Protein backbone atom coordinates (compact mmCIF):
# COMPACT_ATOMS: atom_id res chain seq x y z
CA MET A 1 137.11 66.39 163.03
CA THR A 2 136.20 66.31 159.36
CA GLN A 3 138.51 65.08 156.62
CA GLY A 4 138.81 68.65 155.37
CA GLN A 5 139.93 69.86 158.81
CA GLU A 6 142.49 67.07 159.05
CA LYS A 7 144.04 68.03 155.69
CA LEU A 8 144.99 71.65 156.07
CA ASP A 9 145.82 73.65 153.01
CA PRO A 10 149.61 73.43 152.53
CA LYS A 11 149.99 77.21 152.78
CA ALA A 12 147.94 77.30 155.98
CA ARG A 13 149.93 74.40 157.40
CA ARG A 14 153.24 76.12 156.66
CA ALA A 15 151.96 79.32 158.26
CA ALA A 16 150.88 77.41 161.36
CA GLN A 17 154.25 75.67 161.58
CA ALA A 18 156.07 78.98 161.18
CA GLU A 19 154.00 80.57 163.93
CA ALA A 20 154.65 77.59 166.21
CA THR A 21 158.39 77.86 165.56
CA ARG A 22 158.38 81.58 166.29
CA ALA A 23 156.41 81.06 169.51
CA ALA A 24 158.82 78.33 170.61
CA LEU A 25 161.80 80.60 170.00
CA VAL A 26 160.26 83.49 171.95
CA ALA A 27 159.29 81.22 174.86
CA ALA A 28 162.75 79.63 174.98
CA ALA A 29 164.50 83.00 174.74
CA LYS A 30 162.33 84.38 177.54
CA ARG A 31 163.28 81.51 179.85
CA LEU A 32 166.98 81.88 179.09
CA PHE A 33 167.07 85.68 179.18
CA VAL A 34 165.35 85.66 182.58
CA GLU A 35 167.68 82.99 183.94
CA LYS A 36 171.00 84.14 182.46
CA GLY A 37 170.48 87.62 181.04
CA TYR A 38 170.63 88.76 177.44
CA HIS A 39 174.40 89.13 177.22
CA HIS A 40 175.09 85.68 178.69
CA THR A 41 172.70 83.82 176.38
CA GLY A 42 173.83 82.66 172.96
CA THR A 43 171.56 82.12 169.98
CA GLU A 44 172.69 78.47 169.85
CA GLU A 45 171.30 77.99 173.36
CA VAL A 46 167.97 79.52 172.35
CA VAL A 47 167.70 77.23 169.32
CA ALA A 48 168.52 74.16 171.43
CA GLU A 49 166.06 75.18 174.16
CA ALA A 50 163.32 75.76 171.58
CA ASN A 51 164.16 72.48 169.80
CA VAL A 52 163.74 74.02 166.35
CA GLY A 53 166.80 72.61 164.60
CA THR A 54 169.38 75.16 163.50
CA ARG A 55 169.99 78.88 163.87
CA GLY A 56 168.58 79.25 160.37
CA ALA A 57 165.13 78.85 161.91
CA LEU A 58 165.85 81.71 164.31
CA TYR A 59 167.16 84.04 161.62
CA HIS A 60 164.19 83.22 159.40
CA HIS A 61 161.97 84.91 162.00
CA PHE A 62 164.30 87.48 163.57
CA ALA A 63 166.93 89.67 161.95
CA ASP A 64 169.26 89.26 164.91
CA LYS A 65 169.43 88.52 168.63
CA GLN A 66 168.27 92.03 169.51
CA ALA A 67 165.13 91.58 167.38
CA LEU A 68 164.45 88.35 169.27
CA PHE A 69 164.87 90.21 172.56
CA GLU A 70 162.38 92.85 171.44
CA ALA A 71 159.84 90.09 170.72
CA VAL A 72 160.44 88.71 174.21
CA PHE A 73 160.07 92.20 175.69
CA ILE A 74 156.71 92.64 173.93
CA ALA A 75 155.58 89.19 175.11
CA VAL A 76 156.32 90.14 178.73
CA GLU A 77 154.47 93.44 178.26
CA MET A 78 151.47 91.56 176.87
CA ASP A 79 151.54 89.20 179.86
CA LEU A 80 151.39 92.25 182.13
CA VAL A 81 148.49 93.75 180.19
CA MET A 82 146.48 90.52 180.39
CA GLU A 83 147.22 90.09 184.09
CA ALA A 84 146.20 93.69 184.78
CA ALA A 85 142.96 93.22 182.86
CA LYS A 86 142.10 90.21 185.03
CA ASN A 87 142.87 91.97 188.30
CA LEU A 88 141.45 95.44 187.71
CA ALA A 89 138.87 96.70 190.15
CA ASP A 90 135.22 96.53 189.23
CA PRO A 91 134.41 99.37 186.79
CA ALA A 92 131.67 100.34 189.23
CA ASP A 93 134.42 101.37 191.66
CA GLY A 94 135.48 104.08 189.23
CA ALA A 95 138.30 104.69 186.80
CA PHE A 96 140.45 106.45 189.39
CA ASN A 97 140.49 103.36 191.60
CA GLN A 98 141.25 101.22 188.56
CA LEU A 99 144.17 103.49 187.75
CA ARG A 100 145.48 103.26 191.31
CA GLN A 101 145.18 99.48 191.31
CA GLY A 102 146.82 99.16 187.89
CA LEU A 103 149.84 101.25 188.89
CA ILE A 104 150.27 99.39 192.17
CA GLY A 105 149.92 96.12 190.25
CA PHE A 106 152.85 97.19 188.08
CA LEU A 107 154.96 97.76 191.19
CA ASP A 108 153.99 94.29 192.42
CA ALA A 109 155.00 92.85 189.04
CA SER A 110 158.38 94.55 189.34
CA LEU A 111 159.18 92.01 192.07
CA THR A 112 159.00 89.14 189.54
CA PRO A 113 162.15 87.87 187.79
CA GLN A 114 160.83 88.28 184.25
CA VAL A 115 159.79 91.90 184.73
CA GLN A 116 162.99 92.77 186.57
CA ARG A 117 165.32 91.18 184.06
CA ILE A 118 163.51 91.74 180.74
CA LEU A 119 161.70 95.04 181.23
CA LEU A 120 163.77 96.88 183.81
CA THR A 121 167.37 95.66 183.58
CA ASP A 122 168.13 94.37 180.10
CA GLY A 123 165.37 96.30 178.33
CA PRO A 124 166.92 99.79 178.40
CA ALA A 125 170.43 98.43 177.83
CA VAL A 126 169.58 96.18 174.88
CA LEU A 127 166.93 98.26 173.13
CA GLY A 128 168.34 101.67 173.93
CA TRP A 129 166.56 104.23 176.06
CA ALA A 130 164.47 105.72 173.25
CA ARG A 131 163.10 102.41 171.97
CA TRP A 132 162.54 101.15 175.52
CA ARG A 133 160.51 104.25 176.37
CA GLU A 134 158.58 103.92 173.11
CA LEU A 135 157.55 100.33 173.86
CA GLU A 136 156.72 101.12 177.48
CA SER A 137 154.49 103.94 176.25
CA VAL A 138 152.72 101.69 173.74
CA TYR A 139 151.60 99.30 176.46
CA GLY A 140 151.06 101.71 179.36
CA LEU A 141 150.46 105.26 178.25
CA GLY A 142 147.19 104.75 176.39
CA ALA A 143 145.60 102.82 179.24
CA ILE A 144 146.64 105.44 181.81
CA ARG A 145 145.32 108.29 179.68
CA ALA A 146 142.00 106.51 179.07
CA MET A 147 141.49 105.97 182.81
CA LEU A 148 142.35 109.60 183.55
CA GLU A 149 139.82 110.78 180.97
CA ARG A 150 137.16 108.55 182.51
CA ALA A 151 138.08 109.83 185.97
CA VAL A 152 137.40 113.38 184.77
CA GLU A 153 134.02 112.28 183.40
CA GLU A 154 133.21 110.56 186.71
CA GLY A 155 134.22 113.61 188.75
CA ASP A 156 137.18 111.94 190.49
CA LEU A 157 139.73 114.11 188.69
CA ALA A 158 139.23 117.84 188.44
CA ALA A 159 138.17 119.07 185.01
CA GLY A 160 140.77 121.08 183.17
CA GLN A 161 143.69 118.94 184.27
CA PRO A 162 146.29 118.38 181.50
CA VAL A 163 145.43 114.71 181.06
CA ALA A 164 147.97 114.02 178.30
CA VAL A 165 150.84 115.32 180.42
CA LEU A 166 149.54 113.64 183.56
CA ALA A 167 149.53 110.29 181.78
CA HIS A 168 153.23 110.72 180.95
CA VAL A 169 154.00 111.83 184.51
CA LEU A 170 152.25 108.82 186.05
CA LEU A 171 153.85 106.37 183.64
CA ALA A 172 157.29 107.82 184.33
CA ALA A 173 156.66 107.74 188.09
CA ALA A 174 155.61 104.09 187.98
CA GLU A 175 158.61 103.14 185.82
CA GLU A 176 161.07 104.95 188.08
CA ALA A 177 159.51 103.36 191.16
CA ALA A 178 159.77 99.93 189.52
CA MET A 179 163.44 100.58 188.68
CA PHE A 180 164.06 101.60 192.28
CA ILE A 181 162.41 98.39 193.53
CA ALA A 182 164.34 96.16 191.13
CA ASN A 183 167.68 97.59 192.30
CA ALA A 184 166.92 97.85 196.02
CA PRO A 185 168.63 95.53 198.55
CA ASP A 186 165.25 95.02 200.27
CA GLN A 187 162.81 94.85 197.39
CA GLN A 188 159.68 94.24 199.43
CA ALA A 189 160.36 97.30 201.58
CA ALA A 190 161.11 99.29 198.43
CA ARG A 191 157.83 98.12 196.93
CA ASP A 192 155.95 99.31 200.03
CA ASP A 193 157.69 102.68 199.82
CA GLY A 194 156.87 102.86 196.12
CA VAL A 195 153.20 102.22 196.80
CA GLN A 196 153.19 104.92 199.48
CA ALA A 197 154.77 107.40 197.08
CA LEU A 198 152.35 106.57 194.26
CA ASN A 199 149.39 106.88 196.60
CA ALA A 200 150.62 110.30 197.74
CA LEU A 201 150.85 111.40 194.12
CA LEU A 202 147.42 110.03 193.23
CA ASN A 203 145.78 111.42 196.37
CA GLY A 204 147.01 114.85 195.34
CA LEU A 205 145.22 114.48 192.02
CA HIS A 206 141.98 113.08 193.39
CA ALA A 207 139.10 115.55 193.34
CA GLN A 208 137.88 116.21 196.86
């Protein structure tokens, strides 16, 4: 490392420290929200878990506890997006198969504590239904629509289908199935039923 690299510009160093503090707060809040739930976690606990000093550090980055929760929600969504990107089927298998695998992957993720607690249980209650739906759409709707459009181009979805509406329908179906799984007494059985239902829906759309 050169001397210049060792001595960061003060402004750049402060920015890096601020980003590290923010990341520590989000990571700590995610752990606590998953373990205890949003309403049973205090901001003092988050600050202590993140080891960032006082609550002033938290409120420097987030207007309030709800804003911190939204940052955690987005972080969990981003984790899902990255995991889905790693596990998607080979593009050579076609966009329709990628869509199927992505939706089933979301149902599998709904079995995990962080998705259940942050996205499916506390998310709608803390953010409000409208904001929750908006964020879910940001991270899911565009990808679903893009795969549907490619499926039309590849001949796996009949031309003339209302792709924009179908994307909303599939996103809503996956979200409702995930909610059902998260609240079921036998979640693995509910997941299997959810996959069966999604496959029935997708098979009805698949061009024969």
